Protein backbone atom coordinates (compact mmCIF):
# COMPACT_ATOMS: atom_id res chain seq x y z
CA UNK A 1 -51.31 -19.54 -93.07
CA UNK A 2 -51.52 -17.31 -89.99
CA UNK A 3 -51.58 -13.52 -90.39
CA UNK A 4 -51.74 -10.78 -87.77
CA UNK A 5 -50.14 -7.43 -86.91
CA UNK A 6 -47.86 -6.48 -84.01
CA UNK A 7 -46.70 -2.91 -83.37
CA UNK A 8 -48.31 -2.06 -86.70
CA UNK A 9 -46.11 -4.59 -88.54
CA UNK A 10 -47.88 -7.22 -90.71
CA UNK A 11 -46.74 -10.74 -89.78
CA UNK A 12 -47.28 -13.93 -91.78
CA UNK A 13 -46.51 -17.41 -90.44
CA UNK A 14 -46.23 -20.16 -93.04
CA UNK A 15 -47.10 -23.80 -92.18
CA UNK A 16 -43.51 -24.96 -92.76
CA UNK A 17 -42.39 -22.79 -89.84
CA UNK A 18 -44.34 -24.91 -87.35
CA UNK A 19 -43.26 -28.19 -88.96
CA UNK A 20 -39.59 -27.23 -88.92
CA UNK A 21 -39.76 -26.29 -85.25
CA UNK A 22 -41.47 -29.59 -84.50
CA UNK A 23 -38.74 -31.51 -86.34
CA UNK A 24 -36.00 -29.65 -84.49
CA UNK A 25 -37.81 -30.14 -81.18
CA UNK A 26 -38.02 -33.90 -81.66
CA UNK A 27 -41.43 -34.76 -83.05
CA UNK A 28 -40.59 -38.46 -82.79
CA UNK A 29 -40.58 -38.16 -78.98
CA UNK A 30 -44.13 -36.78 -78.85
CA UNK A 31 -45.70 -40.22 -78.44
CA UNK A 32 -46.63 -39.65 -74.80
CA UNK A 33 -48.64 -36.81 -73.18
CA UNK A 34 -45.48 -35.52 -71.48
CA UNK A 35 -43.47 -35.73 -74.70
CA UNK A 36 -46.21 -33.93 -76.64
CA UNK A 37 -46.37 -31.16 -74.04
CA UNK A 38 -42.59 -30.75 -74.13
CA UNK A 39 -42.72 -30.48 -77.93
CA UNK A 40 -45.51 -27.88 -77.79
CA UNK A 41 -43.52 -25.82 -75.28
CA UNK A 42 -40.47 -26.02 -77.56
CA UNK A 43 -42.52 -24.84 -80.56
CA UNK A 44 -44.01 -21.93 -78.57
CA UNK A 45 -40.54 -20.97 -77.30
CA UNK A 46 -39.18 -21.12 -80.84
CA UNK A 47 -42.01 -18.96 -82.13
CA UNK A 48 -41.43 -16.31 -79.46
CA UNK A 49 -37.66 -16.27 -79.97
CA UNK A 50 -37.71 -16.10 -83.78
CA UNK A 51 -40.47 -13.49 -83.77
CA UNK A 52 -38.47 -11.27 -81.40
CA UNK A 53 -35.43 -11.73 -83.66
CA UNK A 54 -37.36 -10.54 -86.71
CA UNK A 55 -38.94 -7.69 -84.75
CA UNK A 56 -35.40 -6.51 -84.01
CA UNK A 57 -34.78 -6.20 -87.74
CA UNK A 58 -38.21 -4.74 -88.52
CA UNK A 59 -38.36 -2.12 -85.77
CA UNK A 60 -34.81 -0.94 -86.49
CA UNK A 61 -35.59 -0.65 -90.19
CA UNK A 62 -38.74 1.29 -89.41
CA UNK A 63 -36.66 3.58 -87.20
CA UNK A 64 -34.79 4.51 -90.39
CA UNK A 65 -38.07 5.32 -92.15
CA UNK A 66 -38.77 2.07 -94.03
CA UNK A 67 -42.10 0.25 -94.17
CA UNK A 68 -41.71 -3.36 -93.15
CA UNK A 69 -43.37 -6.77 -92.86
CA UNK A 70 -42.31 -10.08 -91.29
CA UNK A 71 -42.61 -13.61 -92.67
CA UNK A 72 -41.83 -16.69 -90.57
CA UNK A 73 -41.01 -19.73 -92.67
CA UNK A 74 -38.94 -22.90 -92.54
CA UNK A 75 -35.64 -22.39 -90.66
CA UNK A 76 -36.60 -18.97 -89.34
CA UNK A 77 -37.94 -15.90 -91.05
CA UNK A 78 -37.16 -12.55 -92.57
CA UNK A 79 -38.20 -8.91 -92.39
CA UNK A 80 -38.82 -7.19 -95.70
CA UNK A 81 -38.47 -3.51 -96.55
CA UNK A 82 -40.13 -3.14 -99.97
CA UNK A 83 -39.30 0.54 -100.47
CA UNK A 84 -36.47 0.79 -97.95
CA UNK A 85 -33.04 1.99 -99.03
CA UNK A 86 -30.42 1.84 -96.30
CA UNK A 87 -26.88 3.12 -96.18
CA UNK A 88 -24.20 0.54 -95.39
CA UNK A 89 -24.11 1.60 -91.75
CA UNK A 90 -27.89 1.49 -91.49
CA UNK A 91 -27.99 -1.92 -93.19
CA UNK A 92 -25.42 -3.17 -90.68
CA UNK A 93 -27.50 -1.92 -87.74
CA UNK A 94 -30.77 -3.34 -89.12
CA UNK A 95 -29.10 -6.72 -89.63
CA UNK A 96 -27.33 -6.75 -86.26
CA UNK A 97 -30.50 -5.83 -84.34
CA UNK A 98 -32.08 -9.26 -84.88
CA UNK A 99 -29.42 -11.52 -83.30
CA UNK A 100 -28.61 -8.81 -80.73
CA UNK A 101 -32.13 -8.68 -79.28
CA UNK A 102 -32.35 -12.47 -79.44
CA UNK A 103 -29.12 -12.81 -77.45
CA UNK A 104 -30.49 -10.33 -74.89
CA UNK A 105 -33.61 -12.49 -74.60
CA UNK A 106 -31.47 -15.60 -74.21
CA UNK A 107 -29.36 -13.91 -71.54
CA UNK A 108 -32.40 -12.83 -69.53
CA UNK A 109 -33.87 -16.32 -69.75
CA UNK A 110 -30.53 -17.83 -68.72
CA UNK A 111 -30.47 -15.67 -65.59
CA UNK A 112 -34.04 -16.72 -64.77
CA UNK A 113 -33.17 -20.37 -65.42
CA UNK A 114 -30.08 -20.29 -63.21
CA UNK A 115 -31.06 -17.88 -60.44
CA UNK A 116 -34.83 -17.50 -60.62
CA UNK A 117 -37.48 -19.23 -58.53
CA UNK A 118 -38.24 -22.90 -58.81
CA UNK A 119 -40.74 -23.53 -61.59
CA UNK A 120 -43.04 -26.44 -62.18
CA UNK A 121 -41.36 -29.01 -64.46
CA UNK A 122 -43.10 -27.77 -67.62
CA UNK A 123 -42.37 -24.15 -66.76
CA UNK A 124 -38.70 -25.01 -66.27
CA UNK A 125 -38.64 -26.79 -69.63
CA UNK A 126 -40.15 -23.75 -71.33
CA UNK A 127 -37.54 -21.37 -69.85
CA UNK A 128 -34.79 -23.82 -70.76
CA UNK A 129 -36.06 -24.15 -74.34
CA UNK A 130 -36.42 -20.37 -74.75
CA UNK A 131 -32.87 -19.89 -73.44
CA UNK A 132 -31.25 -22.49 -75.67
CA UNK A 133 -33.20 -21.57 -78.81
CA UNK A 134 -32.47 -17.86 -78.43
CA UNK A 135 -28.74 -18.27 -77.86
CA UNK A 136 -28.19 -21.09 -80.37
CA UNK A 137 -30.31 -19.49 -83.11
CA UNK A 138 -28.57 -16.13 -82.75
CA UNK A 139 -25.11 -17.72 -82.88
CA UNK A 140 -25.99 -19.83 -85.92
CA UNK A 141 -27.40 -16.73 -87.62
CA UNK A 142 -24.10 -14.90 -87.05
CA UNK A 143 -22.11 -17.42 -89.09
CA UNK A 144 -20.79 -15.38 -92.07
CA UNK A 145 -22.86 -17.17 -94.70
CA UNK A 146 -25.20 -15.36 -97.08
CA UNK A 147 -28.18 -14.97 -96.69
CA UNK A 148 -27.92 -15.38 -92.91
CA UNK A 149 -27.35 -12.33 -90.73
CA UNK A 150 -23.63 -13.00 -90.39
CA UNK A 151 -23.29 -13.06 -94.18
CA UNK A 152 -25.25 -9.85 -94.53
CA UNK A 153 -23.11 -8.18 -91.86
CA UNK A 154 -19.99 -9.29 -93.74
CA UNK A 155 -21.47 -7.92 -96.96
CA UNK A 156 -22.22 -4.58 -95.30
CA UNK A 157 -18.64 -4.37 -93.97
CA UNK A 158 -16.88 -5.35 -97.22
CA UNK A 159 -19.26 -3.38 -99.45
CA UNK A 160 -20.70 -4.06 -102.92
CA UNK A 161 -17.33 -3.84 -104.68
CA UNK A 162 -16.14 -6.92 -102.78
CA UNK A 163 -19.21 -9.05 -103.47
CA UNK A 164 -17.21 -11.87 -105.09
CA UNK A 165 -14.89 -12.06 -102.09
CA UNK A 166 -17.94 -12.05 -99.82
CA UNK A 167 -19.48 -14.94 -101.78
CA UNK A 168 -16.22 -16.93 -101.69
CA UNK A 169 -15.91 -16.54 -97.92
CA UNK A 170 -19.58 -17.39 -97.49
CA UNK A 171 -19.26 -20.53 -99.62
CA UNK A 172 -16.19 -21.84 -97.76
CA UNK A 173 -17.63 -21.10 -94.32
CA UNK A 174 -20.95 -22.79 -95.20
CA UNK A 175 -19.16 -26.00 -96.22
CA UNK A 176 -16.95 -25.99 -93.10
CA UNK A 177 -19.87 -25.23 -90.75
CA UNK A 178 -22.00 -27.97 -92.31
CA UNK A 179 -19.17 -30.49 -91.91
CA UNK A 180 -18.62 -29.51 -88.26
CA UNK A 181 -22.33 -29.76 -87.44
CA UNK A 182 -22.46 -33.19 -89.08
CA UNK A 183 -19.52 -34.32 -86.97
CA UNK A 184 -20.55 -32.92 -83.59
CA UNK A 185 -24.37 -32.99 -83.68
CA UNK A 186 -26.98 -35.60 -84.52
CA UNK A 187 -29.21 -33.23 -86.50
CA UNK A 188 -29.19 -33.23 -90.31
CA UNK A 189 -31.45 -30.19 -90.73
CA UNK A 190 -28.87 -27.45 -90.22
CA UNK A 191 -26.11 -29.17 -92.27
CA UNK A 192 -28.59 -29.62 -95.13
CA UNK A 193 -29.64 -25.99 -94.77
CA UNK A 194 -26.01 -24.80 -94.87
CA UNK A 195 -25.26 -27.08 -97.81
CA UNK A 196 -28.15 -25.56 -99.74
CA UNK A 197 -26.87 -22.05 -98.98
CA UNK A 198 -23.37 -23.06 -100.11
CA UNK A 199 -24.86 -24.14 -103.43
CA UNK A 200 -26.76 -20.84 -103.73
CA UNK A 201 -23.56 -18.91 -103.08
CA UNK A 202 -21.70 -20.95 -105.69
CA UNK A 203 -24.45 -20.27 -108.25
CA UNK A 204 -24.38 -16.54 -107.52
CA UNK A 205 -20.57 -16.48 -107.77
CA UNK A 206 -20.68 -18.21 -111.15
CA UNK A 207 -23.33 -15.77 -112.33
CA UNK A 208 -21.21 -12.79 -111.34
CA UNK A 209 -18.20 -14.31 -113.07
CA UNK A 210 -20.25 -14.58 -116.23
CA UNK A 211 -20.57 -18.35 -115.93
CA UNK A 212 -16.82 -19.03 -116.20
CA UNK A 213 -15.22 -21.65 -113.94
């Protein structure tokens, strides 16, 4: 477990965070010095991108007066606000800040990648990895599936009175997104992740219905 503070915000990094990044980055290809270096650069890029994403949430929440902390774990991370109580508009802004700042980072890196100076091969791979991770991770996070940012944004828009509708939409979208990722990508991690969230949404929907089918 790694712990440190940044901008006065406590940050905890769990071991599964590094392992998940390594699996996404292709740990099986790290059987040569070049492959290992590429994997390490991918993990560092992933760490920077996800941390900036969570700092977007945390710093915006703190702007609204809430104490905050960040945890990085498998498949990303989260910012907590133990005593924070946000209005719906504030909750929307806190949630949107994460993917927004990550997309800005991805856009800057994309400009550097396309129009910047020529880098050494490993430097170019790092910029490329940081670009792709930032853009892809932000877009995935904006899928309207609870508990991802897109699901939380949808919840903030529809409000607490429409929680069952929010859960139904989230459940259907999670299943469709998982099926599409299975069809068009070779990775099983994100479809499994979405399938697990679909199951969580189904459980929560049944609970709110009082267990009736």
